[in-house]
Amino acid sequence: MLLLGRHMEHEHVVAGLAAAHQASALTADAVALEARKAAEGETFTEPVKPAPARPVQPQEETSGTVTFLSDWRLSHLPPDNRPLPSVAHYDQLLQRHGRTAGEKEGP
């Protein structure tokens, strides 16, 4: 996110931070996406600062939802029909040859 400021205007990065914070999406991907939207002119608005004498009112919930890219990718995967892995062929490596559990080594 720090490198975003090298390629974008400061105002767009600040707008991206504000939009991502308002949507409770505190990831670098969300900030970059919102900053790019602001740079394209889709959602860029100047931040409104409340008057000092007026108490700050809680902001209303926005109707938009945030879907993380990893969640979206997982929801669009085809079903996994492979059989569950088996470790049966490793059981032969765990068997001890020559002694039983009750025997001791040496006299």
Protein backbone atom coordinates (compact mmCIF):
# COMPACT_ATOMS: atom_id res chain seq x y z
CA MET A 1 0.00 0.00 0.00
CA LEU A 2 2.91 2.33 0.60
CA LEU A 3 4.03 1.86 -3.00
CA LEU A 4 0.59 2.92 -4.21
CA GLY A 5 1.50 6.53 -3.50
CA ARG A 6 4.35 6.34 -6.02
CA HIS A 7 1.98 5.67 -8.89
CA MET A 8 -1.16 7.56 -7.88
CA GLU A 9 -2.09 11.03 -6.73
CA HIS A 10 -2.22 11.59 -2.97
CA GLU A 11 -5.91 12.55 -3.09
CA HIS A 12 -6.83 9.29 -4.80
CA VAL A 13 -4.93 7.22 -2.24
CA VAL A 14 -6.62 9.10 0.61
CA ALA A 15 -10.02 8.57 -1.03
CA GLY A 16 -9.21 4.86 -1.37
CA LEU A 17 -8.25 4.63 2.29
CA ALA A 18 -11.46 6.39 3.33
CA ALA A 19 -13.68 4.22 1.12
CA ALA A 20 -12.02 0.99 2.27
CA HIS A 21 -12.29 2.06 5.91
CA GLN A 22 -15.96 2.94 5.47
CA ALA A 23 -16.60 -0.51 3.97
CA SER A 24 -14.60 -2.17 6.80
CA ALA A 25 -12.29 -3.72 4.21
CA LEU A 26 -8.92 -3.03 5.75
CA THR A 27 -6.71 -4.74 3.19
CA ALA A 28 -4.21 -3.32 0.74
CA ASP A 29 -6.19 -4.81 -2.17
CA ALA A 30 -9.34 -2.97 -1.14
CA VAL A 31 -7.49 0.32 -0.74
CA ALA A 32 -5.83 -0.06 -4.14
CA LEU A 33 -9.16 -0.90 -5.80
CA GLU A 34 -10.92 2.08 -4.24
CA ALA A 35 -8.01 4.38 -5.09
CA ARG A 36 -8.14 3.26 -8.72
CA LYS A 37 -11.88 3.89 -8.76
CA ALA A 38 -11.26 7.37 -7.42
CA ALA A 39 -8.60 7.97 -10.06
CA GLU A 40 -11.06 6.97 -12.77
CA GLY A 41 -13.57 9.43 -11.34
CA GLU A 42 -16.15 6.83 -10.28
CA THR A 43 -16.36 7.57 -6.57
CA PHE A 44 -13.97 10.42 -5.85
CA THR A 45 -15.46 12.97 -3.50
CA GLU A 46 -13.72 15.35 -1.18
CA PRO A 47 -13.79 14.09 2.40
CA VAL A 48 -16.25 16.02 4.55
CA LYS A 49 -14.88 17.19 7.88
CA PRO A 50 -17.45 17.75 10.64
CA ALA A 51 -17.66 21.17 12.24
CA PRO A 52 -15.81 21.26 15.57
CA ALA A 53 -18.84 22.53 17.56
CA ARG A 54 -21.23 19.92 16.18
CA PRO A 55 -21.07 16.39 17.66
CA VAL A 56 -20.07 13.69 15.21
CA GLN A 57 -23.02 11.53 14.17
CA PRO A 58 -22.46 7.83 13.43
CA GLN A 59 -22.33 7.16 9.72
CA GLU A 60 -25.09 5.15 8.13
CA GLU A 61 -24.33 1.67 6.86
CA THR A 62 -23.61 1.51 3.15
CA SER A 63 -25.54 -0.97 1.07
CA GLY A 64 -22.41 -2.23 -0.71
CA THR A 65 -20.69 -5.41 0.33
CA VAL A 66 -17.05 -6.28 0.07
CA THR A 67 -16.03 -9.66 -1.29
CA PHE A 68 -12.42 -10.58 -0.79
CA LEU A 69 -10.66 -11.91 -3.86
CA SER A 70 -9.59 -15.14 -2.16
CA ASP A 71 -13.19 -15.86 -1.08
CA TRP A 72 -14.47 -15.17 -4.60
CA ARG A 73 -11.86 -17.49 -6.12
CA LEU A 74 -12.72 -20.28 -3.67
CA SER A 75 -16.43 -19.96 -4.40
CA HIS A 76 -15.81 -20.31 -8.16
CA LEU A 77 -13.69 -23.47 -8.02
CA PRO A 78 -15.07 -26.64 -9.60
CA PRO A 79 -16.04 -29.42 -7.17
CA ASP A 80 -13.18 -31.64 -6.01
CA ASN A 81 -14.09 -35.24 -6.83
CA ARG A 82 -10.71 -36.77 -6.05
CA PRO A 83 -10.59 -39.57 -3.44
CA LEU A 84 -9.25 -38.72 -0.02
CA PRO A 85 -5.52 -39.38 0.36
CA SER A 86 -4.43 -42.64 1.95
CA VAL A 87 -1.33 -43.34 3.99
CA ALA A 88 -1.81 -47.11 4.03
CA HIS A 89 1.29 -47.70 1.91
CA TYR A 90 3.39 -46.01 4.61
CA ASP A 91 2.28 -48.48 7.28
CA GLN A 92 4.89 -51.00 6.14
CA LEU A 93 7.64 -48.50 6.95
CA LEU A 94 6.41 -48.18 10.53
CA GLN A 95 6.52 -51.90 11.28
CA ARG A 96 9.56 -53.04 13.26
CA HIS A 97 11.22 -56.19 12.03
CA GLY A 98 13.01 -58.62 14.35
CA ARG A 99 11.58 -57.60 17.74
CA THR A 100 8.20 -57.46 19.34
CA ALA A 101 7.08 -54.73 21.71
CA GLY A 102 7.78 -56.79 24.86
CA GLU A 103 11.31 -57.92 23.94
CA LYS A 104 14.41 -56.10 25.18
CA GLU A 105 17.68 -55.71 23.40
CA GLY A 106 20.66 -57.67 24.68
CA PRO A 107 20.96 -60.07 27.69
